[in-house]
Amino acid sequence: MINNAVLVGRMGNDPEMRYSQSGTPITKFRLAVTRPRRADAQEDETDWLNIVCFGKTAEFVAQYLDKGSLVGV
C-alpha cells in the first residue's frame, strides 16, 4: 500500500528555476503548511517543506506563482 498526502500552504519564497544538464526545467520553493493549534498551545504551528518540480510543472510554477501564492501539492 502506498501512502498519499495532499498539502496546501503558501509559498515562502519566489520560485527558483534552473535547468539540468539534459535541459529539464527544475524549480524549487519552500512551502509553509499551517496546522491548527493544539488545545494547550497559544499559536498555530507551521511546517516548512522543500518542494521540487520538474518539466512543464516547473515552468508553470516559475512563470505564474510567487511568494505568498496558495499552492496545493
N, C-alpha and C. Protein backbone atom coordinates (compact mmCIF):
# COMPACT_ATOMS: atom_id res chain seq x y z
N MET A 1 0.84 -1.17 0.00
CA MET A 1 0.00 0.00 0.00
C MET A 1 0.89 1.24 0.00
N ILE A 2 0.49 2.25 -0.75
CA ILE A 2 1.23 3.50 -0.84
C ILE A 2 0.49 4.58 -0.07
N ASN A 3 1.22 5.34 0.73
CA ASN A 3 0.64 6.46 1.44
C ASN A 3 0.62 7.68 0.53
N ASN A 4 -0.45 8.44 0.59
CA ASN A 4 -0.57 9.68 -0.17
C ASN A 4 -0.83 10.83 0.79
N ALA A 5 -0.29 11.99 0.46
CA ALA A 5 -0.54 13.18 1.26
C ALA A 5 -0.84 14.34 0.33
N VAL A 6 -1.79 15.16 0.70
CA VAL A 6 -2.09 16.38 -0.04
C VAL A 6 -1.81 17.54 0.91
N LEU A 7 -0.92 18.43 0.50
CA LEU A 7 -0.53 19.56 1.34
C LEU A 7 -0.97 20.85 0.67
N VAL A 8 -1.56 21.74 1.44
CA VAL A 8 -1.97 23.05 0.94
C VAL A 8 -1.33 24.09 1.84
N GLY A 9 -0.63 25.03 1.23
CA GLY A 9 0.04 26.06 2.01
C GLY A 9 0.43 27.23 1.13
N ARG A 10 1.23 28.11 1.69
CA ARG A 10 1.69 29.32 0.99
C ARG A 10 3.17 29.18 0.64
N MET A 11 3.51 29.71 -0.53
CA MET A 11 4.92 29.72 -0.93
C MET A 11 5.68 30.69 -0.04
N GLY A 12 6.79 30.22 0.52
CA GLY A 12 7.57 31.04 1.43
C GLY A 12 8.62 31.89 0.74
N ASN A 13 8.86 31.64 -0.53
CA ASN A 13 9.82 32.41 -1.31
C ASN A 13 9.42 32.36 -2.78
N ASP A 14 10.01 33.24 -3.57
CA ASP A 14 9.78 33.16 -5.01
C ASP A 14 10.44 31.88 -5.53
N PRO A 15 9.84 31.24 -6.52
CA PRO A 15 10.42 30.00 -7.04
C PRO A 15 11.75 30.27 -7.73
N GLU A 16 12.66 29.29 -7.61
CA GLU A 16 13.98 29.38 -8.23
C GLU A 16 14.05 28.31 -9.32
N MET A 17 14.18 28.75 -10.58
CA MET A 17 14.20 27.80 -11.69
C MET A 17 15.59 27.69 -12.27
N ARG A 18 15.95 26.47 -12.66
CA ARG A 18 17.22 26.20 -13.35
C ARG A 18 16.97 25.05 -14.30
N TYR A 19 17.99 24.67 -15.04
CA TYR A 19 17.88 23.55 -15.98
C TYR A 19 18.93 22.51 -15.65
N SER A 20 18.55 21.24 -15.77
CA SER A 20 19.50 20.15 -15.56
C SER A 20 20.45 20.09 -16.76
N GLN A 21 21.47 19.26 -16.67
CA GLN A 21 22.42 19.12 -17.78
C GLN A 21 21.73 18.63 -19.04
N SER A 22 20.66 17.87 -18.88
CA SER A 22 19.93 17.36 -20.05
C SER A 22 18.88 18.35 -20.56
N GLY A 23 18.74 19.50 -19.90
CA GLY A 23 17.81 20.53 -20.34
C GLY A 23 16.44 20.50 -19.69
N THR A 24 16.25 19.63 -18.69
CA THR A 24 14.97 19.55 -18.00
C THR A 24 14.81 20.72 -17.03
N PRO A 25 13.69 21.46 -17.11
CA PRO A 25 13.46 22.55 -16.15
C PRO A 25 13.24 21.99 -14.74
N ILE A 26 13.85 22.65 -13.76
CA ILE A 26 13.71 22.27 -12.36
C ILE A 26 13.43 23.54 -11.56
N THR A 27 12.36 23.53 -10.78
CA THR A 27 12.01 24.69 -9.96
C THR A 27 11.89 24.26 -8.50
N LYS A 28 12.48 25.07 -7.61
CA LYS A 28 12.42 24.80 -6.17
C LYS A 28 11.74 25.95 -5.46
N PHE A 29 11.04 25.62 -4.37
CA PHE A 29 10.49 26.64 -3.49
C PHE A 29 10.19 26.02 -2.13
N ARG A 30 9.95 26.88 -1.14
CA ARG A 30 9.59 26.42 0.20
C ARG A 30 8.09 26.61 0.38
N LEU A 31 7.46 25.64 1.02
CA LEU A 31 6.02 25.67 1.26
C LEU A 31 5.75 25.69 2.76
N ALA A 32 4.98 26.68 3.20
CA ALA A 32 4.59 26.79 4.61
C ALA A 32 3.19 26.21 4.77
N VAL A 33 3.09 25.14 5.54
CA VAL A 33 1.80 24.49 5.80
C VAL A 33 1.47 24.70 7.27
N THR A 34 0.36 25.38 7.54
CA THR A 34 -0.03 25.70 8.91
C THR A 34 -1.00 24.65 9.44
N ARG A 35 -0.69 24.16 10.65
CA ARG A 35 -1.56 23.20 11.33
C ARG A 35 -2.30 23.93 12.44
N PRO A 36 -3.55 23.57 12.69
CA PRO A 36 -4.29 24.20 13.79
C PRO A 36 -3.58 23.96 15.12
N ARG A 37 -3.69 24.91 16.00
CA ARG A 37 -3.01 24.78 17.29
C ARG A 37 -3.63 23.69 18.15
N ARG A 38 -2.78 23.11 18.96
CA ARG A 38 -3.26 22.12 19.93
C ARG A 38 -3.98 22.88 21.05
N ALA A 39 -4.73 22.17 21.82
CA ALA A 39 -5.51 22.79 22.90
C ALA A 39 -4.62 23.54 23.88
N ASP A 40 -3.39 23.05 24.12
CA ASP A 40 -2.51 23.68 25.10
C ASP A 40 -1.54 24.70 24.49
N ALA A 41 -1.64 24.95 23.19
CA ALA A 41 -0.71 25.87 22.52
C ALA A 41 -1.37 27.23 22.32
N GLN A 42 -0.53 28.26 22.25
CA GLN A 42 -1.02 29.63 22.06
C GLN A 42 -1.16 30.00 20.58
N GLU A 43 -0.35 29.38 19.72
CA GLU A 43 -0.33 29.74 18.31
C GLU A 43 -0.42 28.50 17.42
N ASP A 44 -0.84 28.71 16.16
CA ASP A 44 -0.81 27.63 15.19
C ASP A 44 0.65 27.24 14.94
N GLU A 45 0.86 26.01 14.49
CA GLU A 45 2.20 25.54 14.15
C GLU A 45 2.35 25.52 12.64
N THR A 46 3.54 25.88 12.16
CA THR A 46 3.81 25.90 10.73
C THR A 46 4.94 24.94 10.41
N ASP A 47 4.70 24.08 9.44
CA ASP A 47 5.73 23.17 8.93
C ASP A 47 6.25 23.75 7.62
N TRP A 48 7.57 23.73 7.44
CA TRP A 48 8.20 24.22 6.21
C TRP A 48 8.73 23.04 5.42
N LEU A 49 8.33 22.95 4.16
CA LEU A 49 8.75 21.85 3.30
C LEU A 49 9.48 22.39 2.07
N ASN A 50 10.51 21.66 1.63
CA ASN A 50 11.21 21.99 0.39
C ASN A 50 10.53 21.23 -0.74
N ILE A 51 10.07 21.95 -1.76
CA ILE A 51 9.35 21.36 -2.88
C ILE A 51 10.20 21.52 -4.14
N VAL A 52 10.26 20.45 -4.95
CA VAL A 52 10.98 20.48 -6.23
C VAL A 52 10.03 20.01 -7.32
N CYS A 53 9.93 20.79 -8.40
CA CYS A 53 9.07 20.46 -9.55
C CYS A 53 9.95 20.27 -10.78
N PHE A 54 9.47 19.44 -11.71
CA PHE A 54 10.22 19.15 -12.92
C PHE A 54 9.35 19.37 -14.16
N GLY A 55 9.99 19.61 -15.29
CA GLY A 55 9.30 19.67 -16.58
C GLY A 55 8.31 20.82 -16.69
N LYS A 56 7.15 20.52 -17.28
CA LYS A 56 6.12 21.55 -17.52
C LYS A 56 5.62 22.16 -16.22
N THR A 57 5.54 21.34 -15.16
CA THR A 57 5.11 21.87 -13.86
C THR A 57 6.11 22.91 -13.37
N ALA A 58 7.39 22.64 -13.53
CA ALA A 58 8.43 23.58 -13.11
C ALA A 58 8.30 24.90 -13.87
N GLU A 59 8.05 24.82 -15.17
CA GLU A 59 7.90 26.03 -15.97
C GLU A 59 6.67 26.83 -15.54
N PHE A 60 5.56 26.14 -15.27
CA PHE A 60 4.33 26.81 -14.84
C PHE A 60 4.54 27.53 -13.51
N VAL A 61 5.12 26.82 -12.55
CA VAL A 61 5.35 27.40 -11.22
C VAL A 61 6.23 28.65 -11.32
N ALA A 62 7.32 28.55 -12.08
CA ALA A 62 8.24 29.68 -12.21
C ALA A 62 7.59 30.88 -12.89
N GLN A 63 6.69 30.63 -13.83
CA GLN A 63 6.08 31.72 -14.59
C GLN A 63 4.91 32.39 -13.87
N TYR A 64 4.09 31.61 -13.18
CA TYR A 64 2.82 32.14 -12.68
C TYR A 64 2.72 32.30 -11.16
N LEU A 65 3.58 31.67 -10.38
CA LEU A 65 3.46 31.73 -8.92
C LEU A 65 4.60 32.53 -8.32
N ASP A 66 4.35 33.11 -7.15
CA ASP A 66 5.40 33.83 -6.44
C ASP A 66 5.16 33.72 -4.94
N LYS A 67 6.03 34.34 -4.17
CA LYS A 67 5.95 34.28 -2.72
C LYS A 67 4.54 34.66 -2.26
N GLY A 68 3.97 33.83 -1.37
CA GLY A 68 2.65 34.08 -0.83
C GLY A 68 1.52 33.38 -1.57
N SER A 69 1.81 32.83 -2.76
CA SER A 69 0.77 32.13 -3.53
C SER A 69 0.29 30.90 -2.77
N LEU A 70 -1.01 30.66 -2.83
CA LEU A 70 -1.60 29.46 -2.23
C LEU A 70 -1.37 28.29 -3.19
N VAL A 71 -0.76 27.21 -2.68
CA VAL A 71 -0.35 26.09 -3.52
C VAL A 71 -0.83 24.79 -2.91
N GLY A 72 -1.28 23.88 -3.75
CA GLY A 72 -1.60 22.52 -3.33
C GLY A 72 -0.61 21.56 -3.96
N VAL A 73 -0.04 20.69 -3.14
CA VAL A 73 0.96 19.72 -3.63
C VAL A 73 0.45 18.33 -3.33
